[in-house]
Amino acid sequence: MSTYPPDQRDFSRSAPVRLWEDGFASDPRRYYGALRAQGPVGWAELAPGVPAYVVTDRRAALDVLHDDGTFSHDPRAWEATVPADSPVLGMMRWRPNALFADGAAHVRYRTTLIDVFDLVEPHDLRERVHRAVRLLAGRIGPRGEADLVGDFARPLMALVLNDLFGLPDHEGDRLNEGLGKMMEGGAQAAEGEAQYGQYVLELIAAKAARPGDDLPSRLLDHPARLTREEVTWQVFLTLGAGYEPTANLLSNTLSRILGNPAYYSTLTSGARPVLDAVVEVLHHETPLANYGIYYARRPVSFHGVWLRDAVPVVVSYGALGLPPGPRGTAGTPVSGREAGDGRHPNDASHLSWGAGPHACPVKQHTLLLVTEAIERLTQWLPDLDPVLPRERLAWRPGPFHRSLTALPVRFSPRSPSSDQPGVPS
């Protein structure tokens, strides 16, 4: 990595771009444009009084993601500087799991996750998705209308993950409520963290008492001999990381597909794979927009900015996915080959999975889950019609994610039955 003399830009007295404002959810391009105008690294607030450096340049982002000698995932020095009631602590506080560990501890935790998820065969995951689609299809089909966020994407993820983690279907509402509050980072963040934490504690206690064929039981029995506390925090990480971002990837992709009728027709006819739309969202509207959080191990000059320690350094996958506009502002996100950047929509040049030692270890599981869910839904309901134009859809607040509040659609009412062609089975 390049080094710079210590007389580079110091943002400590600059006005930050406030990513916690409601306006950020409705128009993130404007906020990313303001950050980009500051250079490869901008200055923002994740919550009132919680500043952060935000990396909006691809080269600088890769430098952070690959340099574990300069940057750490351990937030404990930062935690000592923020109030105990900060609304972002639920998402950022230290826990003994793979996300917040470095070095040998990170390798140990990450290896256990890779090992247990490798036991989830693609055909098995596919069947779990099909089962979830069948259950949800039976609920929404006869109505002729649905909210594809609240009636499909989020409950589907709850069904699939509860199945993988060994919990009954009816526990899904608790999972959805706790994680939703924690992710938004507002006044209910602490309550959501407590709700979700209790959910995980009860799950681990149940699996310790009666192991089953599920992910927590495999972690408890892993040769790495994780303590029960370590298993609890691994599950806290993986269940949350599996649910919220994947549900948002699913709903963001459905929104992108349905917002372009010509695109929708090519997907439902099979002329264009659903994966194209998923990758477009990962490029231009990634669901986990600002959660690549690192900390400089010591004060350092980085791409022209003097980084202080104990201040978050956030790789903004959301800002990285927007094409540059005039004078360094962020342009309107566009899709696929229309982006004008020469990339095929299925390439891997986006950074939504991260990179380096902390790159997402289960991206293939995520892609399979999302593409299967969309294929089954659109096969069964080929005439999904959005109620609102895409520019009128509302987005959930919060600095970390890009998440729709609702995606209302209409369609021809249909009751699933085994003799109907195209019914999920």
Protein backbone atom coordinates (compact mmCIF):
# COMPACT_ATOMS: atom_id res chain seq x y z
CA MET A 1 0.00 0.00 0.00
CA SER A 2 1.19 3.52 -0.71
CA THR A 3 2.15 5.68 2.26
CA TYR A 4 1.67 9.43 2.54
CA PRO A 5 3.27 12.14 4.67
CA PRO A 6 1.33 13.10 7.81
CA ASP A 7 0.22 16.46 6.41
CA GLN A 8 -2.63 14.96 4.42
CA ARG A 9 -6.29 15.90 4.81
CA ASP A 10 -7.72 15.54 8.34
CA PHE A 11 -11.53 15.55 8.47
CA SER A 12 -11.79 15.94 12.23
CA ARG A 13 -13.11 19.51 11.93
CA SER A 14 -15.17 19.03 8.75
CA ALA A 15 -18.96 18.74 8.61
CA PRO A 16 -19.85 15.05 8.03
CA VAL A 17 -22.30 13.65 5.50
CA ARG A 18 -25.12 12.30 7.70
CA LEU A 19 -25.99 8.77 6.57
CA TRP A 20 -28.51 8.40 9.40
CA GLU A 21 -30.90 11.00 7.94
CA ASP A 22 -34.19 9.95 6.39
CA GLY A 23 -33.05 11.58 3.15
CA PHE A 24 -30.27 9.02 2.78
CA ALA A 25 -32.77 6.17 2.46
CA SER A 26 -34.83 8.03 -0.16
CA ASP A 27 -31.93 9.40 -2.22
CA PRO A 28 -28.55 7.77 -1.42
CA ARG A 29 -27.04 9.04 -4.70
CA ARG A 30 -26.99 12.59 -3.36
CA TYR A 31 -25.15 11.54 -0.20
CA TYR A 32 -22.69 9.35 -2.07
CA GLY A 33 -22.08 12.25 -4.45
CA ALA A 34 -21.17 14.49 -1.52
CA LEU A 35 -18.78 11.84 -0.20
CA ARG A 36 -17.17 11.27 -3.59
CA ALA A 37 -16.61 14.97 -4.00
CA GLN A 38 -14.23 14.75 -1.02
CA GLY A 39 -11.98 12.24 -2.80
CA PRO A 40 -11.40 8.48 -2.41
CA VAL A 41 -12.20 8.75 1.30
CA GLY A 42 -15.02 10.91 2.66
CA TRP A 43 -16.23 11.94 6.10
CA ALA A 44 -19.66 10.87 7.36
CA GLU A 45 -21.78 10.15 10.42
CA LEU A 46 -23.34 6.70 10.94
CA ALA A 47 -25.46 8.07 13.79
CA PRO A 48 -25.57 11.44 15.54
CA GLY A 49 -22.12 12.01 17.00
CA VAL A 50 -20.66 8.79 15.48
CA PRO A 51 -18.24 9.82 12.69
CA ALA A 52 -16.65 7.49 10.16
CA TYR A 53 -14.35 7.57 7.17
CA VAL A 54 -16.19 6.28 4.08
CA VAL A 55 -14.24 4.73 1.21
CA THR A 56 -15.91 5.40 -2.15
CA ASP A 57 -13.04 4.55 -4.53
CA ARG A 58 -12.47 1.00 -5.77
CA ARG A 59 -8.67 1.02 -5.50
CA ALA A 60 -8.81 2.43 -1.97
CA ALA A 61 -11.48 -0.13 -1.05
CA LEU A 62 -9.31 -3.03 -2.23
CA ASP A 63 -6.40 -1.63 -0.24
CA VAL A 64 -8.52 -1.72 2.92
CA LEU A 65 -9.99 -5.15 2.24
CA HIS A 66 -6.64 -6.82 1.57
CA ASP A 67 -4.40 -5.07 4.13
CA ASP A 68 -5.00 -6.76 7.49
CA GLY A 69 -1.68 -5.39 8.72
CA THR A 70 -2.97 -1.81 8.63
CA PHE A 71 -6.69 -2.42 9.19
CA SER A 72 -8.49 -4.49 11.81
CA HIS A 73 -12.08 -5.67 12.26
CA ASP A 74 -11.86 -5.38 16.04
CA PRO A 75 -14.05 -2.42 17.18
CA ARG A 76 -13.28 -2.43 20.91
CA ALA A 77 -11.10 0.71 20.90
CA TRP A 78 -13.88 2.51 19.01
CA GLU A 79 -16.58 1.18 21.37
CA ALA A 80 -14.89 2.97 24.25
CA THR A 81 -15.50 6.31 22.50
CA VAL A 82 -19.28 6.05 21.87
CA PRO A 83 -22.24 6.26 24.27
CA ALA A 84 -23.67 2.99 25.53
CA ASP A 85 -27.04 3.87 23.99
CA SER A 86 -25.70 4.61 20.50
CA PRO A 87 -28.21 3.20 17.96
CA VAL A 88 -25.45 1.64 15.82
CA LEU A 89 -23.83 -0.38 18.60
CA GLY A 90 -26.09 -3.36 17.93
CA MET A 91 -24.55 -3.72 14.49
CA MET A 92 -20.99 -2.69 15.37
CA ARG A 93 -20.10 -3.85 18.89
CA TRP A 94 -17.42 -6.53 19.33
CA ARG A 95 -18.43 -10.16 19.63
CA PRO A 96 -16.24 -13.29 19.53
CA ASN A 97 -17.12 -14.38 16.00
CA ALA A 98 -15.64 -14.36 12.50
CA LEU A 99 -16.75 -10.83 11.62
CA PHE A 100 -14.98 -9.07 14.47
CA ALA A 101 -11.84 -11.22 14.68
CA ASP A 102 -8.41 -10.95 13.06
CA GLY A 103 -5.53 -13.35 12.52
CA ALA A 104 -5.65 -16.87 13.96
CA ALA A 105 -8.95 -16.29 15.77
CA HIS A 106 -10.59 -15.21 12.53
CA VAL A 107 -9.23 -18.25 10.67
CA ARG A 108 -10.56 -20.55 13.41
CA TYR A 109 -14.04 -19.06 13.38
CA ARG A 110 -14.23 -18.76 9.60
CA THR A 111 -13.12 -22.36 9.10
CA THR A 112 -15.96 -23.66 11.27
CA LEU A 113 -18.50 -21.68 9.26
CA ILE A 114 -17.14 -22.91 5.94
CA ASP A 115 -17.15 -26.49 7.21
CA VAL A 116 -20.76 -26.51 8.40
CA PHE A 117 -22.12 -24.65 5.38
CA ASP A 118 -20.24 -27.00 3.04
CA LEU A 119 -22.51 -29.73 4.41
CA VAL A 120 -25.56 -27.92 2.98
CA GLU A 121 -25.82 -29.53 -0.44
CA PRO A 122 -27.19 -27.36 -3.27
CA HIS A 123 -30.06 -29.79 -3.95
CA ASP A 124 -30.99 -29.69 -0.25
CA LEU A 125 -31.00 -25.90 -0.14
CA ARG A 126 -33.01 -25.83 -3.37
CA GLU A 127 -35.66 -28.09 -1.82
CA ARG A 128 -35.89 -25.89 1.25
CA VAL A 129 -36.47 -22.86 -0.97
CA HIS A 130 -39.12 -24.69 -2.99
CA ARG A 131 -40.92 -25.70 0.21
CA ALA A 132 -40.92 -22.10 1.43
CA VAL A 133 -42.25 -20.80 -1.90
CA ARG A 134 -45.03 -23.40 -1.81
CA LEU A 135 -46.12 -22.31 1.67
CA LEU A 136 -46.09 -18.62 0.76
CA ALA A 137 -47.77 -19.25 -2.59
CA GLY A 138 -50.66 -20.86 -0.79
CA ARG A 139 -51.08 -17.74 1.34
CA ILE A 140 -50.85 -14.99 -1.27
CA GLY A 141 -52.07 -16.69 -4.46
CA PRO A 142 -55.84 -16.51 -3.95
CA ARG A 143 -55.68 -12.82 -2.95
CA GLY A 144 -54.46 -11.49 -6.29
CA GLU A 145 -52.29 -8.94 -4.53
CA ALA A 146 -49.30 -9.02 -2.20
CA ASP A 147 -46.40 -7.11 -0.76
CA LEU A 148 -43.34 -8.96 -2.04
CA VAL A 149 -41.28 -7.67 0.88
CA GLY A 150 -43.58 -8.45 3.81
CA ASP A 151 -45.46 -11.35 2.22
CA PHE A 152 -42.64 -13.04 0.32
CA ALA A 153 -38.97 -12.01 0.67
CA ARG A 154 -38.76 -11.68 4.45
CA PRO A 155 -40.97 -14.63 5.42
CA LEU A 156 -39.22 -16.80 2.83
CA MET A 157 -35.86 -16.10 4.44
CA ALA A 158 -37.32 -16.81 7.88
CA LEU A 159 -38.69 -20.15 6.68
CA VAL A 160 -35.47 -21.24 4.97
CA LEU A 161 -33.13 -20.15 7.75
CA ASN A 162 -35.27 -21.52 10.57
CA ASP A 163 -35.25 -24.80 8.66
CA LEU A 164 -31.44 -24.75 8.34
CA PHE A 165 -30.95 -23.70 11.97
CA GLY A 166 -33.42 -26.22 13.36
CA LEU A 167 -36.34 -24.03 14.41
CA PRO A 168 -40.06 -24.36 13.56
CA ASP A 169 -41.72 -22.15 10.97
CA HIS A 170 -43.74 -20.18 13.50
CA GLU A 171 -40.56 -18.64 14.99
CA GLY A 172 -40.03 -16.55 11.87
CA ASP A 173 -41.88 -13.46 13.11
CA ARG A 174 -39.55 -13.11 16.09
CA LEU A 175 -36.52 -13.32 13.83
CA ASN A 176 -37.92 -10.75 11.42
CA GLU A 177 -38.88 -8.25 14.13
CA GLY A 178 -35.64 -8.32 16.12
CA LEU A 179 -33.29 -8.15 13.16
CA GLY A 180 -35.32 -5.45 11.42
CA LYS A 181 -35.13 -3.12 14.42
CA MET A 182 -31.40 -3.74 14.94
CA MET A 183 -30.48 -3.20 11.29
CA GLU A 184 -32.30 0.14 10.99
CA GLY A 185 -30.22 1.56 13.82
CA GLY A 186 -32.89 3.95 15.12
CA ALA A 187 -34.60 4.38 18.47
CA GLN A 188 -35.61 0.70 18.58
CA ALA A 189 -32.13 -0.66 17.83
CA ALA A 190 -31.33 -1.71 21.41
CA GLU A 191 -34.71 -3.42 21.76
CA GLY A 192 -34.16 -5.27 18.49
CA GLU A 193 -30.68 -6.38 19.55
CA ALA A 194 -32.08 -7.73 22.81
CA GLN A 195 -34.92 -9.55 21.02
CA TYR A 196 -32.60 -11.12 18.49
CA GLY A 197 -30.03 -12.01 21.16
CA GLN A 198 -32.70 -13.82 23.18
CA TYR A 199 -33.79 -15.66 20.06
CA VAL A 200 -30.25 -16.95 19.51
CA LEU A 201 -29.69 -17.83 23.19
CA GLU A 202 -32.85 -19.94 23.24
CA LEU A 203 -31.82 -21.63 19.99
CA ILE A 204 -28.36 -22.62 21.29
CA ALA A 205 -29.79 -23.84 24.61
CA ALA A 206 -32.24 -26.04 22.72
CA LYS A 207 -29.56 -27.50 20.46
CA ALA A 208 -27.14 -28.10 23.34
CA ALA A 209 -29.89 -30.08 25.10
CA ARG A 210 -31.08 -31.93 22.00
CA PRO A 211 -28.75 -31.80 18.96
CA GLY A 212 -30.22 -32.27 15.51
CA ASP A 213 -29.31 -32.24 11.83
CA ASP A 214 -28.85 -28.47 11.69
CA LEU A 215 -26.16 -25.80 11.58
CA PRO A 216 -25.99 -24.90 15.31
CA SER A 217 -25.67 -28.57 16.29
CA ARG A 218 -22.82 -28.98 13.81
CA LEU A 219 -21.05 -25.94 15.23
CA LEU A 220 -21.41 -27.30 18.76
CA ASP A 221 -19.89 -30.58 17.59
CA HIS A 222 -17.15 -29.10 15.38
CA PRO A 223 -13.56 -30.39 15.89
CA ALA A 224 -12.44 -26.79 16.58
CA ARG A 225 -14.19 -27.22 19.95
CA LEU A 226 -15.81 -23.82 20.08
CA THR A 227 -17.17 -22.90 23.48
CA ARG A 228 -20.93 -22.57 23.82
CA GLU A 229 -20.48 -18.79 24.00
CA GLU A 230 -18.46 -18.81 20.78
CA VAL A 231 -21.10 -20.91 19.04
CA THR A 232 -23.76 -18.50 20.25
CA TRP A 233 -21.95 -15.55 18.68
CA GLN A 234 -21.20 -17.45 15.47
CA VAL A 235 -24.91 -18.15 15.10
CA PHE A 236 -25.73 -14.53 16.03
CA LEU A 237 -23.56 -13.52 13.07
CA THR A 238 -24.57 -16.11 10.49
CA LEU A 239 -28.30 -16.11 11.13
CA GLY A 240 -28.40 -12.31 10.98
CA ALA A 241 -26.08 -12.07 7.97
CA GLY A 242 -28.07 -14.75 6.20
CA TYR A 243 -31.48 -13.25 6.86
CA GLU A 244 -31.45 -9.48 6.47
CA PRO A 245 -29.10 -8.92 3.50
CA THR A 246 -30.46 -11.91 1.57
CA ALA A 247 -34.08 -10.86 2.06
CA ASN A 248 -33.12 -7.41 0.80
CA LEU A 249 -31.21 -8.83 -2.16
CA LEU A 250 -34.32 -10.82 -3.05
CA SER A 251 -36.73 -7.89 -2.80
CA ASN A 252 -34.35 -5.42 -4.49
CA THR A 253 -33.95 -7.84 -7.39
CA LEU A 254 -37.70 -8.37 -7.72
CA SER A 255 -38.13 -4.59 -7.72
CA ARG A 256 -35.56 -4.17 -10.49
CA ILE A 257 -37.14 -6.93 -12.58
CA LEU A 258 -40.72 -5.71 -12.20
CA GLY A 259 -39.75 -2.09 -12.78
CA ASN A 260 -38.74 -2.94 -16.37
CA PRO A 261 -41.51 -4.83 -18.25
CA ALA A 262 -39.22 -5.74 -21.17
CA TYR A 263 -36.68 -7.15 -18.74
CA TYR A 264 -39.38 -9.07 -16.84
CA SER A 265 -40.62 -10.72 -20.04
CA THR A 266 -37.14 -11.96 -20.95
CA LEU A 267 -36.69 -13.45 -17.48
CA THR A 268 -40.08 -15.17 -17.29
CA SER A 269 -39.62 -16.58 -20.79
CA GLY A 270 -36.21 -17.98 -19.89
CA ALA A 271 -34.43 -15.91 -22.54
CA ARG A 272 -32.38 -14.20 -19.85
CA PRO A 273 -31.31 -15.80 -16.57
CA VAL A 274 -32.49 -14.42 -13.25
CA LEU A 275 -28.86 -14.33 -12.16
CA ASP A 276 -28.32 -11.34 -14.48
CA ALA A 277 -30.78 -9.30 -12.43
CA VAL A 278 -29.29 -10.45 -9.13
CA VAL A 279 -25.81 -9.41 -10.21
CA GLU A 280 -27.09 -6.05 -11.43
CA VAL A 281 -28.45 -5.39 -7.95
CA LEU A 282 -25.13 -6.42 -6.40
CA HIS A 283 -23.44 -3.93 -8.73
CA HIS A 284 -25.78 -0.97 -8.45
CA GLU A 285 -28.12 -1.37 -5.47
CA THR A 286 -26.39 -3.75 -3.12
CA PRO A 287 -28.43 -4.56 -0.01
CA LEU A 288 -25.57 -4.26 2.49
CA ALA A 289 -24.49 -0.83 1.32
CA ASN A 290 -22.20 0.37 4.12
CA TYR A 291 -21.20 -2.54 6.33
CA GLY A 292 -17.60 -3.15 5.33
CA ILE A 293 -16.32 -1.72 8.63
CA TYR A 294 -12.63 -1.63 9.54
CA TYR A 295 -10.39 0.33 11.92
CA ALA A 296 -6.87 1.63 11.36
CA ARG A 297 -4.58 -0.11 13.85
CA ARG A 298 -2.67 3.17 14.26
CA PRO A 299 -2.95 6.67 12.74
CA VAL A 300 -1.98 6.41 9.08
CA SER A 301 -2.03 8.42 5.88
CA PHE A 302 -4.23 6.66 3.34
CA HIS A 303 -5.08 7.86 -0.19
CA GLY A 304 -4.47 11.45 0.81
CA VAL A 305 -6.39 11.34 4.10
CA TRP A 306 -4.98 11.12 7.62
CA LEU A 307 -6.91 8.29 9.30
CA ARG A 308 -7.14 8.34 13.05
CA ASP A 309 -7.39 5.09 14.98
CA ALA A 310 -10.60 4.22 16.87
CA VAL A 311 -12.68 5.74 14.04
CA PRO A 312 -14.59 3.38 11.70
CA VAL A 313 -13.31 3.08 8.14
CA VAL A 314 -16.36 2.02 6.11
CA VAL A 315 -16.00 0.48 2.65
CA SER A 316 -19.16 1.77 0.94
CA TYR A 317 -20.27 -0.95 -1.45
CA GLY A 318 -23.27 1.24 -2.23
CA ALA A 319 -21.13 4.17 -3.37
CA LEU A 320 -18.77 1.89 -5.30
CA GLY A 321 -21.68 0.58 -7.37
CA LEU A 322 -22.83 3.95 -8.66
CA PRO A 323 -21.21 5.19 -11.89
CA PRO A 324 -19.48 8.56 -11.51
CA GLY A 325 -21.41 11.55 -12.79
CA PRO A 326 -20.14 14.98 -13.76
CA ARG A 327 -17.67 16.66 -11.40
CA GLY A 328 -17.33 13.57 -9.25
CA THR A 329 -20.97 13.27 -8.25
CA ALA A 330 -22.79 9.97 -8.18
CA GLY A 331 -24.86 9.21 -11.23
CA THR A 332 -28.20 7.45 -11.46
CA PRO A 333 -27.79 3.67 -11.18
CA VAL A 334 -28.54 1.91 -14.42
CA SER A 335 -28.74 -1.73 -15.30
CA GLY A 336 -26.58 -4.27 -17.05
CA ARG A 337 -24.98 -3.33 -20.32
CA GLU A 338 -26.73 0.07 -20.16
CA ALA A 339 -24.24 1.06 -17.47
CA GLY A 340 -21.78 1.91 -20.22
CA ASP A 341 -18.85 0.48 -18.29
CA GLY A 342 -18.09 -2.43 -20.62
CA ARG A 343 -18.91 -5.07 -18.03
CA HIS A 344 -21.09 -8.07 -18.60
CA PRO A 345 -23.76 -8.12 -15.88
CA ASN A 346 -22.60 -11.54 -14.70
CA ASP A 347 -19.00 -10.56 -14.03
CA ALA A 348 -17.57 -10.37 -10.52
CA SER A 349 -16.14 -6.85 -10.63
CA HIS A 350 -18.52 -5.56 -7.94
CA LEU A 351 -17.31 -5.84 -4.35
CA SER A 352 -20.58 -6.69 -2.63
CA TRP A 353 -19.14 -9.97 -1.34
CA GLY A 354 -16.13 -8.14 0.08
CA ALA A 355 -12.59 -9.27 -0.73
CA GLY A 356 -9.52 -10.48 1.07
CA PRO A 357 -9.57 -12.53 4.30
CA HIS A 358 -13.11 -11.47 5.24
CA ALA A 359 -14.80 -12.07 1.87
CA CYS A 360 -18.23 -13.70 2.20
CA PRO A 361 -17.74 -17.48 2.54
CA VAL A 362 -21.28 -18.47 1.48
CA LYS A 363 -21.97 -16.41 -1.63
CA GLN A 364 -22.89 -19.46 -3.73
CA HIS A 365 -25.54 -20.47 -1.21
CA THR A 366 -26.95 -16.93 -1.31
CA LEU A 367 -27.06 -16.76 -5.11
CA LEU A 368 -28.75 -20.15 -5.34
CA LEU A 369 -31.36 -19.21 -2.76
CA VAL A 370 -32.28 -15.89 -4.35
CA THR A 371 -32.35 -17.12 -7.96
CA GLU A 372 -34.40 -20.21 -7.08
CA ALA A 373 -36.93 -18.15 -5.12
CA ILE A 374 -37.43 -15.68 -7.99
CA GLU A 375 -37.62 -18.39 -10.64
CA ARG A 376 -40.26 -20.33 -8.71
CA LEU A 377 -42.32 -17.26 -7.91
CA THR A 378 -42.32 -15.85 -11.45
CA GLN A 379 -42.99 -19.30 -12.91
CA TRP A 380 -46.07 -19.59 -10.76
CA LEU A 381 -47.18 -15.93 -11.09
CA PRO A 382 -45.99 -14.81 -14.55
CA ASP A 383 -48.16 -11.66 -14.56
CA LEU A 384 -46.84 -9.85 -11.48
CA ASP A 385 -47.68 -6.17 -11.94
CA PRO A 386 -46.20 -3.50 -9.63
CA VAL A 387 -48.76 -1.19 -8.04
CA LEU A 388 -46.34 1.74 -7.84
CA PRO A 389 -43.66 2.95 -10.25
CA ARG A 390 -40.20 2.23 -8.92
CA GLU A 391 -39.40 5.86 -8.16
CA ARG A 392 -42.33 5.99 -5.70
CA LEU A 393 -41.24 3.02 -3.60
CA ALA A 394 -40.14 3.75 -0.02
CA TRP A 395 -36.90 2.57 1.55
CA ARG A 396 -36.17 1.70 5.17
CA PRO A 397 -33.96 4.12 7.13
CA GLY A 398 -30.52 3.18 8.39
CA PRO A 399 -26.90 3.77 7.38
CA PHE A 400 -25.96 0.17 6.68
CA HIS A 401 -28.50 -1.25 4.23
CA ARG A 402 -30.52 -0.61 1.08
CA SER A 403 -33.90 -2.13 1.90
CA LEU A 404 -37.43 -1.59 0.59
CA THR A 405 -40.24 -1.08 3.07
CA ALA A 406 -42.74 -2.69 0.68
CA LEU A 407 -43.13 -3.88 -2.91
CA PRO A 408 -46.88 -4.05 -3.64
CA VAL A 409 -47.96 -6.07 -6.70
CA ARG A 410 -51.13 -7.33 -8.37
CA PHE A 411 -51.59 -10.56 -10.28
CA SER A 412 -54.25 -12.98 -11.45
CA PRO A 413 -55.57 -14.81 -8.37
CA ARG A 414 -54.41 -18.39 -8.31
CA SER A 415 -54.71 -21.28 -5.90
CA PRO A 416 -51.78 -23.70 -6.03
CA SER A 417 -52.63 -27.29 -6.90
CA SER A 418 -50.59 -30.18 -8.17
CA ASP A 419 -52.40 -30.33 -11.50
CA GLN A 420 -51.62 -26.77 -12.54
CA PRO A 421 -48.61 -26.27 -14.79
CA GLY A 422 -45.90 -24.10 -13.33
CA VAL A 423 -46.97 -24.54 -9.71
CA PRO A 424 -44.00 -24.83 -7.38
CA SER A 425 -43.42 -28.39 -6.29
